[in-house]
């Protein structure tokens, strides 16, 4: 046994204690998606700015452009690209999704066809 081995034991203990204390300082952001009774998605942080996308030629005069939007998946905002879509019978307008601040975080509403 060398003379250095006993001195290493307190160092190892101190290193383990420091690691345990510092591990307690890590704060992970909430990642759960909350959907309130009205079907509104609630995220803990605001979405990034909208992405500017090129709007290509419509496949037909009946199609309406549905712009891209930020959704909340896996604890982060995820961009969904815009697309052309034909409205269902009796509907003429697309109500885009919107994020607004509210109780518990940012609320996503909209994203549906209207008459």
C-alpha atoms as a PDB file:
ATOM      1  CA  UNK A   1       0.000   0.000   0.000  1.00  0.00           C
ATOM      2  CA  UNK A   2       1.411   3.407  -0.906  1.00  0.00           C
ATOM      3  CA  UNK A   3       1.195   6.581   1.138  1.00  0.00           C
ATOM      4  CA  UNK A   4      -0.993   8.256  -1.502  1.00  0.00           C
ATOM      5  CA  UNK A   5      -3.940   5.844  -1.199  1.00  0.00           C
ATOM      6  CA  UNK A   6      -5.321   7.126   2.155  1.00  0.00           C
ATOM      7  CA  UNK A   7      -5.259  10.712   0.837  1.00  0.00           C
ATOM      8  CA  UNK A   8      -7.366   9.689  -2.181  1.00  0.00           C
ATOM      9  CA  UNK A   9     -10.259   8.421  -0.029  1.00  0.00           C
ATOM     10  CA  UNK A  10     -11.339  11.874   1.298  1.00  0.00           C
ATOM     11  CA  UNK A  11     -10.986  13.311  -2.225  1.00  0.00           C
ATOM     12  CA  UNK A  12     -13.256  10.623  -3.639  1.00  0.00           C
ATOM     13  CA  UNK A  13     -15.845  11.285  -0.915  1.00  0.00           C
ATOM     14  CA  UNK A  14     -15.725  15.045  -1.573  1.00  0.00           C
ATOM     15  CA  UNK A  15     -16.058  14.482  -5.326  1.00  0.00           C
ATOM     16  CA  UNK A  16     -19.133  12.289  -4.828  1.00  0.00           C
ATOM     17  CA  UNK A  17     -20.715  14.832  -2.468  1.00  0.00           C
ATOM     18  CA  UNK A  18     -20.046  17.689  -4.901  1.00  0.00           C
ATOM     19  CA  UNK A  19     -21.580  15.706  -7.768  1.00  0.00           C
ATOM     20  CA  UNK A  20     -24.671  14.919  -5.679  1.00  0.00           C
ATOM     21  CA  UNK A  21     -25.137  18.569  -4.675  1.00  0.00           C
ATOM     22  CA  UNK A  22     -24.655  19.855  -8.221  1.00  0.00           C
ATOM     23  CA  UNK A  23     -27.016  17.242  -9.645  1.00  0.00           C
ATOM     24  CA  UNK A  24     -29.738  18.715  -7.438  1.00  0.00           C
ATOM     25  CA  UNK A  25     -29.246  22.102  -9.143  1.00  0.00           C
ATOM     26  CA  UNK A  26     -30.396  20.886 -12.560  1.00  0.00           C
ATOM     27  CA  UNK A  27     -33.856  22.156 -13.463  1.00  0.00           C
ATOM     28  CA  UNK A  28     -35.568  20.494 -16.401  1.00  0.00           C
ATOM     29  CA  UNK A  29     -38.331  22.483 -18.135  1.00  0.00           C
ATOM     30  CA  UNK A  30     -41.804  20.987 -17.947  1.00  0.00           C
ATOM     31  CA  UNK A  31     -42.515  18.942 -21.029  1.00  0.00           C
ATOM     32  CA  UNK A  32     -46.023  17.675 -20.466  1.00  0.00           C
ATOM     33  CA  UNK A  33     -48.692  18.847 -22.855  1.00  0.00           C
ATOM     34  CA  UNK A  34     -51.704  20.118 -20.983  1.00  0.00           C
ATOM     35  CA  UNK A  35     -55.034  20.136 -22.763  1.00  0.00           C
ATOM     36  CA  UNK A  36     -57.721  22.052 -20.915  1.00  0.00           C
ATOM     37  CA  UNK A  37     -61.409  21.025 -21.002  1.00  0.00           C
ATOM     38  CA  UNK A  38     -62.054  23.223 -24.059  1.00  0.00           C
ATOM     39  CA  UNK A  39     -59.361  21.357 -26.020  1.00  0.00           C
ATOM     40  CA  UNK A  40     -56.814  24.178 -25.757  1.00  0.00           C
ATOM     41  CA  UNK A  41     -53.167  23.054 -25.686  1.00  0.00           C
ATOM     42  CA  UNK A  42     -51.089  24.753 -22.976  1.00  0.00           C
ATOM     43  CA  UNK A  43     -47.287  24.985 -23.279  1.00  0.00           C
ATOM     44  CA  UNK A  44     -45.021  26.387 -20.545  1.00  0.00           C
ATOM     45  CA  UNK A  45     -43.055  28.658 -22.924  1.00  0.00           C
ATOM     46  CA  UNK A  46     -43.921  30.992 -25.803  1.00  0.00           C
ATOM     47  CA  UNK A  47     -43.503  29.703 -29.362  1.00  0.00           C
ATOM     48  CA  UNK A  48     -40.717  31.069 -31.581  1.00  0.00           C
ATOM     49  CA  UNK A  49     -41.596  33.579 -34.327  1.00  0.00           C
ATOM     50  CA  UNK A  50     -43.545  32.196 -37.284  1.00  0.00           C
ATOM     51  CA  UNK A  51     -41.470  30.768 -40.115  1.00  0.00           C
ATOM     52  CA  UNK A  52     -41.865  32.568 -43.447  1.00  0.00           C
ATOM     53  CA  UNK A  53     -42.770  29.942 -46.031  1.00  0.00           C
ATOM     54  CA  UNK A  54     -43.229  30.216 -49.783  1.00  0.00           C
ATOM     55  CA  UNK A  55     -46.857  29.738 -50.815  1.00  0.00           C
ATOM     56  CA  UNK A  56     -46.886  27.614 -53.937  1.00  0.00           C
ATOM     57  CA  UNK A  57     -49.599  27.566 -56.609  1.00  0.00           C
ATOM     58  CA  UNK A  58     -52.915  26.130 -55.386  1.00  0.00           C
ATOM     59  CA  UNK A  59     -53.808  22.690 -56.748  1.00  0.00           C
ATOM     60  CA  UNK A  60     -57.292  24.009 -57.618  1.00  0.00           C
ATOM     61  CA  UNK A  61     -59.395  27.163 -57.175  1.00  0.00           C
ATOM     62  CA  UNK A  62     -61.216  25.401 -54.318  1.00  0.00           C
ATOM     63  CA  UNK A  63     -58.109  24.923 -52.172  1.00  0.00           C
ATOM     64  CA  UNK A  64     -57.287  27.279 -49.297  1.00  0.00           C
ATOM     65  CA  UNK A  65     -53.796  27.878 -47.912  1.00  0.00           C
ATOM     66  CA  UNK A  66     -53.386  26.743 -44.298  1.00  0.00           C
ATOM     67  CA  UNK A  67     -50.296  28.476 -42.969  1.00  0.00           C
ATOM     68  CA  UNK A  68     -47.639  26.685 -40.956  1.00  0.00           C
ATOM     69  CA  UNK A  69     -47.742  26.768 -37.176  1.00  0.00           C
ATOM     70  CA  UNK A  70     -45.834  25.890 -34.027  1.00  0.00           C
ATOM     71  CA  UNK A  71     -47.160  22.952 -32.009  1.00  0.00           C
ATOM     72  CA  UNK A  72     -45.956  21.541 -28.685  1.00  0.00           C
ATOM     73  CA  UNK A  73     -44.492  18.009 -28.840  1.00  0.00           C
ATOM     74  CA  UNK A  74     -41.986  16.222 -26.643  1.00  0.00           C
ATOM     75  CA  UNK A  75     -41.300  19.210 -24.427  1.00  0.00           C
ATOM     76  CA  UNK A  76     -40.524  21.648 -27.233  1.00  0.00           C
ATOM     77  CA  UNK A  77     -42.128  23.669 -30.007  1.00  0.00           C
ATOM     78  CA  UNK A  78     -42.148  21.905 -33.383  1.00  0.00           C
ATOM     79  CA  UNK A  79     -42.865  23.630 -36.719  1.00  0.00           C
ATOM     80  CA  UNK A  80     -45.550  22.138 -38.966  1.00  0.00           C
ATOM     81  CA  UNK A  81     -45.319  23.348 -42.561  1.00  0.00           C
ATOM     82  CA  UNK A  82     -48.227  25.045 -44.306  1.00  0.00           C
ATOM     83  CA  UNK A  83     -50.286  23.222 -46.906  1.00  0.00           C
ATOM     84  CA  UNK A  84     -53.143  23.592 -49.350  1.00  0.00           C
ATOM     85  CA  UNK A  85     -56.430  21.945 -48.349  1.00  0.00           C
ATOM     86  CA  UNK A  86     -59.934  21.775 -49.770  1.00  0.00           C
ATOM     87  CA  UNK A  87     -62.542  22.829 -47.213  1.00  0.00           C
ATOM     88  CA  UNK A  88     -65.147  20.320 -46.108  1.00  0.00           C
ATOM     89  CA  UNK A  89     -68.665  20.821 -47.512  1.00  0.00           C
ATOM     90  CA  UNK A  90     -70.370  23.884 -46.050  1.00  0.00           C
ATOM     91  CA  UNK A  91     -67.123  25.482 -44.802  1.00  0.00           C
ATOM     92  CA  UNK A  92     -65.398  28.420 -46.458  1.00  0.00           C
ATOM     93  CA  UNK A  93     -62.744  29.772 -44.084  1.00  0.00           C
ATOM     94  CA  UNK A  94     -59.766  28.429 -42.171  1.00  0.00           C
ATOM     95  CA  UNK A  95     -59.318  29.801 -38.626  1.00  0.00           C
ATOM     96  CA  UNK A  96     -55.547  29.708 -38.039  1.00  0.00           C
ATOM     97  CA  UNK A  97     -53.949  28.495 -34.834  1.00  0.00           C
ATOM     98  CA  UNK A  98     -52.882  31.212 -32.413  1.00  0.00           C
ATOM     99  CA  UNK A  99     -50.772  31.177 -29.269  1.00  0.00           C
ATOM    100  CA  UNK A 100     -51.817  33.555 -26.483  1.00  0.00           C
ATOM    101  CA  UNK A 101     -50.453  33.922 -22.949  1.00  0.00           C
ATOM    102  CA  UNK A 102     -52.789  32.633 -20.254  1.00  0.00           C
ATOM    103  CA  UNK A 103     -52.962  30.806 -16.941  1.00  0.00           C
ATOM    104  CA  UNK A 104     -50.329  28.085 -16.740  1.00  0.00           C
ATOM    105  CA  UNK A 105     -48.408  29.117 -19.870  1.00  0.00           C
ATOM    106  CA  UNK A 106     -49.151  29.725 -23.541  1.00  0.00           C
ATOM    107  CA  UNK A 107     -52.482  28.560 -24.979  1.00  0.00           C
ATOM    108  CA  UNK A 108     -52.923  27.318 -28.555  1.00  0.00           C
ATOM    109  CA  UNK A 109     -56.379  27.879 -30.021  1.00  0.00           C
ATOM    110  CA  UNK A 110     -57.879  27.638 -33.474  1.00  0.00           C
ATOM    111  CA  UNK A 111     -56.854  25.491 -36.358  1.00  0.00           C
ATOM    112  CA  UNK A 112     -60.306  24.634 -37.682  1.00  0.00           C
ATOM    113  CA  UNK A 113     -62.679  25.223 -40.565  1.00  0.00           C
ATOM    114  CA  UNK A 114     -65.499  27.762 -40.202  1.00  0.00           C
ATOM    115  CA  UNK A 115     -68.649  28.410 -42.230  1.00  0.00           C
END
